[in-house]
N, C-alpha and C. Protein backbone atom coordinates (compact mmCIF):
# COMPACT_ATOMS: atom_id res chain seq x y z
N MET A 1 3.87 -101.14 59.49
CA MET A 1 4.19 -99.88 60.07
C MET A 1 4.60 -98.90 58.93
N ASP A 2 3.67 -97.89 58.73
CA ASP A 2 3.89 -96.90 57.67
C ASP A 2 4.94 -95.97 58.03
N SER A 3 5.37 -95.17 57.11
CA SER A 3 6.40 -94.21 57.26
C SER A 3 6.31 -93.16 58.37
N GLU A 4 5.00 -92.56 58.48
CA GLU A 4 4.66 -91.83 59.54
C GLU A 4 4.83 -92.37 60.90
N GLU A 5 4.30 -93.60 61.02
CA GLU A 5 4.44 -94.22 62.43
C GLU A 5 5.97 -94.51 62.64
N LEU A 6 6.82 -94.82 61.71
CA LEU A 6 8.12 -95.10 61.90
C LEU A 6 8.90 -93.96 62.27
N LYS A 7 8.67 -92.68 61.59
CA LYS A 7 9.16 -91.41 61.96
C LYS A 7 8.76 -91.14 63.50
N TYR A 8 7.57 -91.20 63.85
CA TYR A 8 7.12 -90.94 65.20
C TYR A 8 8.00 -91.84 66.29
N PHE A 9 8.00 -93.05 65.88
CA PHE A 9 8.72 -94.13 66.84
C PHE A 9 10.22 -93.72 66.99
N LYS A 10 10.77 -93.39 65.82
CA LYS A 10 12.12 -92.99 65.85
C LYS A 10 12.43 -91.75 66.77
N LYS A 11 11.43 -90.79 66.55
CA LYS A 11 11.43 -89.53 67.37
C LYS A 11 11.40 -89.86 68.92
N VAL A 12 10.55 -90.75 69.33
CA VAL A 12 10.38 -91.13 70.70
C VAL A 12 11.55 -91.78 71.14
N VAL A 13 12.27 -92.71 70.34
CA VAL A 13 13.30 -93.43 70.70
C VAL A 13 14.51 -92.47 71.00
N GLU A 14 14.74 -91.40 70.16
CA GLU A 14 15.72 -90.54 70.24
C GLU A 14 15.61 -89.64 71.49
N GLU A 15 14.28 -89.35 71.77
CA GLU A 15 14.08 -88.47 72.98
C GLU A 15 14.37 -89.16 74.24
N THR A 16 14.24 -90.45 74.28
CA THR A 16 14.50 -91.35 75.42
C THR A 16 15.96 -91.70 75.63
N GLY A 17 16.71 -91.49 74.51
CA GLY A 17 18.21 -91.81 74.63
C GLY A 17 18.41 -93.22 74.31
N LEU A 18 17.51 -94.02 73.85
CA LEU A 18 17.75 -95.45 73.45
C LEU A 18 18.45 -95.52 72.11
N THR A 19 19.07 -96.66 71.94
CA THR A 19 19.71 -96.98 70.81
C THR A 19 19.15 -98.20 70.23
N ILE A 20 18.89 -98.17 68.85
CA ILE A 20 18.11 -99.18 68.33
C ILE A 20 18.82 -99.56 66.93
N ASN A 21 19.04 -100.82 66.56
CA ASN A 21 19.37 -101.13 65.23
C ASN A 21 18.32 -101.13 64.33
N TRP A 22 18.10 -100.04 63.60
CA TRP A 22 16.94 -99.79 62.81
C TRP A 22 16.70 -100.73 61.69
N LYS A 23 17.76 -101.24 61.00
CA LYS A 23 17.69 -102.13 59.95
C LYS A 23 16.98 -103.45 60.54
N LEU A 24 17.50 -103.95 61.60
CA LEU A 24 16.94 -105.11 62.33
C LEU A 24 15.54 -104.84 62.71
N PHE A 25 15.29 -103.76 63.29
CA PHE A 25 13.97 -103.39 63.76
C PHE A 25 12.92 -103.47 62.52
N GLU A 26 13.35 -102.75 61.43
CA GLU A 26 12.39 -102.77 60.26
C GLU A 26 12.16 -104.19 59.73
N LYS A 27 13.30 -105.02 59.82
CA LYS A 27 13.13 -106.36 59.32
C LYS A 27 12.15 -107.25 60.17
N ARG A 28 12.19 -106.97 61.58
CA ARG A 28 11.47 -107.69 62.40
C ARG A 28 9.85 -107.22 62.30
N ILE A 29 9.74 -105.91 61.91
CA ILE A 29 8.37 -105.43 61.71
C ILE A 29 7.89 -106.00 60.49
N LYS A 30 8.68 -106.19 59.44
CA LYS A 30 8.16 -106.75 58.21
C LYS A 30 7.88 -108.29 58.39
N GLU A 31 8.63 -108.97 59.24
CA GLU A 31 8.36 -110.29 59.47
C GLU A 31 7.04 -110.45 60.27
N LEU A 32 6.82 -109.60 61.25
CA LEU A 32 5.58 -109.67 62.07
C LEU A 32 4.35 -109.30 61.22
N GLU A 33 4.40 -108.36 60.26
CA GLU A 33 3.31 -107.99 59.32
C GLU A 33 3.10 -109.24 58.43
N GLU A 34 4.12 -109.96 57.99
CA GLU A 34 3.88 -111.17 57.24
C GLU A 34 3.31 -112.25 57.94
N GLU A 35 3.60 -112.50 59.21
CA GLU A 35 2.97 -113.44 59.99
C GLU A 35 1.50 -113.07 60.25
N LEU A 36 1.18 -111.78 60.56
CA LEU A 36 -0.23 -111.43 60.81
C LEU A 36 -1.00 -111.56 59.53
N GLU A 37 -0.48 -111.37 58.40
CA GLU A 37 -1.16 -111.68 57.12
C GLU A 37 -1.47 -113.12 56.89
N LYS A 38 -0.44 -113.99 57.26
CA LYS A 38 -0.66 -115.36 57.16
C LYS A 38 -1.82 -115.81 58.13
N ALA A 39 -1.91 -115.26 59.33
CA ALA A 39 -2.90 -115.55 60.41
C ALA A 39 -4.28 -115.28 59.81
N ARG A 40 -4.40 -114.01 59.31
CA ARG A 40 -5.65 -113.45 58.70
C ARG A 40 -6.11 -114.26 57.50
N GLU A 41 -5.18 -114.79 56.64
CA GLU A 41 -5.51 -115.82 55.59
C GLU A 41 -6.01 -116.99 56.06
N PHE A 42 -5.31 -117.60 57.09
CA PHE A 42 -5.75 -118.77 57.74
C PHE A 42 -7.17 -118.67 58.30
N ARG A 43 -7.55 -117.53 59.00
CA ARG A 43 -8.87 -117.39 59.65
C ARG A 43 -9.82 -117.32 58.49
N ARG A 44 -9.42 -116.55 57.42
CA ARG A 44 -10.44 -116.47 56.27
C ARG A 44 -10.72 -117.83 55.66
N ARG A 45 -9.67 -118.72 55.51
CA ARG A 45 -9.83 -120.06 54.84
C ARG A 45 -10.81 -121.04 55.69
N MET A 46 -10.51 -120.91 57.15
CA MET A 46 -11.09 -121.88 58.04
C MET A 46 -12.50 -121.38 58.37
N ALA A 47 -12.89 -120.10 58.24
CA ALA A 47 -14.14 -119.58 58.73
C ALA A 47 -15.29 -120.16 57.83
N ASP A 48 -16.40 -120.50 58.59
CA ASP A 48 -17.72 -121.06 57.89
C ASP A 48 -18.46 -119.66 57.51
N TRP A 49 -18.22 -119.28 56.38
CA TRP A 49 -18.82 -118.07 55.71
C TRP A 49 -20.30 -118.15 55.63
N LYS A 50 -20.90 -119.44 55.36
CA LYS A 50 -22.37 -119.47 55.35
C LYS A 50 -23.03 -119.28 56.67
N TYR A 51 -22.24 -119.65 57.69
CA TYR A 51 -22.78 -119.36 59.09
C TYR A 51 -22.65 -117.95 59.36
N ILE A 52 -21.52 -117.37 59.08
CA ILE A 52 -21.37 -116.02 59.25
C ILE A 52 -22.48 -115.17 58.72
N GLU A 53 -22.70 -115.34 57.43
CA GLU A 53 -23.55 -114.59 56.67
C GLU A 53 -25.03 -114.77 56.97
N SER A 54 -25.27 -115.83 57.75
CA SER A 54 -26.61 -116.23 58.26
C SER A 54 -26.91 -115.41 59.64
N ARG A 55 -25.93 -114.86 60.28
CA ARG A 55 -26.12 -114.23 61.56
C ARG A 55 -26.71 -112.79 61.34
N PRO A 56 -27.48 -112.35 62.41
CA PRO A 56 -28.18 -111.00 62.23
C PRO A 56 -27.06 -109.96 62.58
N GLU A 57 -27.44 -108.69 62.04
CA GLU A 57 -26.44 -107.62 62.38
C GLU A 57 -26.60 -107.22 63.89
N PRO A 58 -25.70 -106.79 64.59
CA PRO A 58 -24.34 -106.46 64.17
C PRO A 58 -23.31 -107.68 64.33
N LEU A 59 -23.93 -108.81 64.62
CA LEU A 59 -22.97 -110.07 64.93
C LEU A 59 -22.34 -110.49 63.60
N LYS A 60 -23.01 -110.34 62.56
CA LYS A 60 -22.51 -110.71 61.17
C LYS A 60 -21.18 -109.85 60.96
N THR A 61 -21.31 -108.56 61.08
CA THR A 61 -20.25 -107.66 60.93
C THR A 61 -19.03 -107.98 61.93
N ALA A 62 -19.51 -108.09 63.17
CA ALA A 62 -18.43 -108.40 64.17
C ALA A 62 -17.65 -109.52 63.83
N LEU A 63 -18.33 -110.55 63.36
CA LEU A 63 -17.59 -111.96 63.12
C LEU A 63 -16.57 -111.61 61.96
N LYS A 64 -17.07 -110.73 60.86
CA LYS A 64 -16.18 -110.52 59.77
C LYS A 64 -15.02 -109.75 60.14
N VAL A 65 -15.35 -108.79 61.09
CA VAL A 65 -14.11 -107.99 61.57
C VAL A 65 -13.18 -108.88 62.42
N LEU A 66 -13.75 -109.91 63.19
CA LEU A 66 -12.95 -110.82 63.90
C LEU A 66 -12.04 -111.61 63.01
N VAL A 67 -12.62 -112.08 61.91
CA VAL A 67 -11.75 -112.82 60.99
C VAL A 67 -10.65 -111.92 60.52
N GLU A 68 -10.72 -110.62 60.19
CA GLU A 68 -9.79 -109.83 59.70
C GLU A 68 -8.79 -109.43 60.81
N THR A 69 -9.13 -109.25 62.06
CA THR A 69 -8.25 -108.80 63.08
C THR A 69 -7.80 -109.81 64.11
N GLY A 70 -8.64 -110.85 64.36
CA GLY A 70 -8.38 -111.82 65.33
C GLY A 70 -8.43 -111.31 66.76
N ASP A 71 -8.94 -110.02 66.89
CA ASP A 71 -8.89 -109.42 68.27
C ASP A 71 -10.34 -109.60 68.90
N LEU A 72 -10.52 -110.68 69.68
CA LEU A 72 -11.81 -111.08 70.26
C LEU A 72 -12.18 -109.88 71.24
N LYS A 73 -11.35 -109.45 72.00
CA LYS A 73 -11.71 -108.52 73.06
C LYS A 73 -12.08 -107.07 72.39
N LYS A 74 -11.33 -106.62 71.37
CA LYS A 74 -11.52 -105.33 70.66
C LYS A 74 -12.97 -105.41 70.02
N VAL A 75 -13.14 -106.49 69.19
CA VAL A 75 -14.41 -106.70 68.51
C VAL A 75 -15.60 -106.84 69.40
N SER A 76 -15.46 -107.38 70.52
CA SER A 76 -16.53 -107.45 71.61
C SER A 76 -16.89 -106.06 72.04
N TYR A 77 -15.92 -105.28 72.34
CA TYR A 77 -16.04 -103.95 72.79
C TYR A 77 -16.66 -103.02 71.70
N LEU A 78 -16.14 -103.07 70.59
CA LEU A 78 -16.70 -102.19 69.41
C LEU A 78 -18.06 -102.49 69.15
N TYR A 79 -18.44 -103.63 69.17
CA TYR A 79 -19.85 -104.08 68.75
C TYR A 79 -20.91 -104.30 69.93
N SER A 80 -20.30 -103.97 71.15
CA SER A 80 -21.11 -104.18 72.38
C SER A 80 -21.71 -105.62 72.39
N ILE A 81 -20.95 -106.59 72.16
CA ILE A 81 -21.31 -107.95 72.14
C ILE A 81 -20.53 -108.64 73.39
N PRO A 82 -21.27 -109.26 74.31
CA PRO A 82 -20.45 -109.70 75.38
C PRO A 82 -19.34 -110.75 74.91
N LEU A 83 -18.27 -110.72 75.64
CA LEU A 83 -17.24 -111.54 75.18
C LEU A 83 -17.59 -113.05 75.05
N ASP A 84 -18.20 -113.45 76.08
CA ASP A 84 -18.49 -114.98 75.97
C ASP A 84 -19.50 -115.27 74.86
N THR A 85 -20.38 -114.42 74.54
CA THR A 85 -21.31 -114.47 73.48
C THR A 85 -20.40 -114.54 72.08
N LEU A 86 -19.67 -113.64 71.94
CA LEU A 86 -18.87 -113.44 70.79
C LEU A 86 -17.97 -114.67 70.59
N ASN A 87 -17.42 -115.10 71.67
CA ASN A 87 -16.55 -116.42 71.58
C ASN A 87 -17.29 -117.66 71.14
N GLU A 88 -18.60 -117.74 71.74
CA GLU A 88 -19.48 -118.85 71.33
C GLU A 88 -19.62 -118.83 69.94
N GLU A 89 -20.08 -117.56 69.31
CA GLU A 89 -20.31 -117.45 67.93
C GLU A 89 -19.11 -117.67 66.98
N ARG A 90 -17.90 -117.36 67.64
CA ARG A 90 -16.62 -117.62 66.92
C ARG A 90 -16.43 -119.13 66.78
N ILE A 91 -16.69 -119.81 67.79
CA ILE A 91 -16.60 -121.21 67.68
C ILE A 91 -17.47 -121.83 66.72
N LYS A 92 -18.78 -121.49 66.75
CA LYS A 92 -19.77 -121.85 65.70
C LYS A 92 -19.42 -121.52 64.35
N ALA A 93 -18.83 -120.39 64.21
CA ALA A 93 -18.42 -119.88 62.76
C ALA A 93 -16.95 -120.49 62.40
N ARG A 94 -16.45 -121.27 63.21
CA ARG A 94 -15.13 -122.03 62.99
C ARG A 94 -14.06 -121.01 62.78
N ILE A 95 -13.93 -119.79 63.51
CA ILE A 95 -13.02 -118.87 63.33
C ILE A 95 -11.79 -119.16 64.35
N PRO A 96 -10.67 -119.68 63.85
CA PRO A 96 -9.68 -120.03 64.91
C PRO A 96 -9.07 -118.88 65.63
N ILE A 97 -8.52 -119.19 66.78
CA ILE A 97 -7.58 -118.23 67.37
C ILE A 97 -6.11 -118.53 66.91
N VAL A 98 -5.53 -117.56 66.43
CA VAL A 98 -4.16 -117.74 65.97
C VAL A 98 -3.29 -116.77 66.79
N VAL A 99 -2.23 -117.35 67.39
CA VAL A 99 -1.21 -116.62 68.19
C VAL A 99 -0.02 -116.44 67.34
N VAL A 100 0.32 -115.13 67.25
CA VAL A 100 1.46 -114.73 66.40
C VAL A 100 2.49 -114.21 67.40
């Protein structure tokens, strides 16, 4: 979460009258970002890059974005690839689903 996002979030919290322990919040956000990066690295290591590179466009790019984001639904939507087709390709490309 960048500083602009944090400022906006703080403003929304203040407007709603909620109380937040900001130090703990920022610690948890940092931990989450670290976990997301670990998941991304794991997907990168496990992916079959030769298979990914052999796929036609836009599937090749979609699989690369999937490795980076892990978001099957969003990638399916962005690249207009049916979810079941993209998931079958994900399996063939050995891109794991990582739950954080």
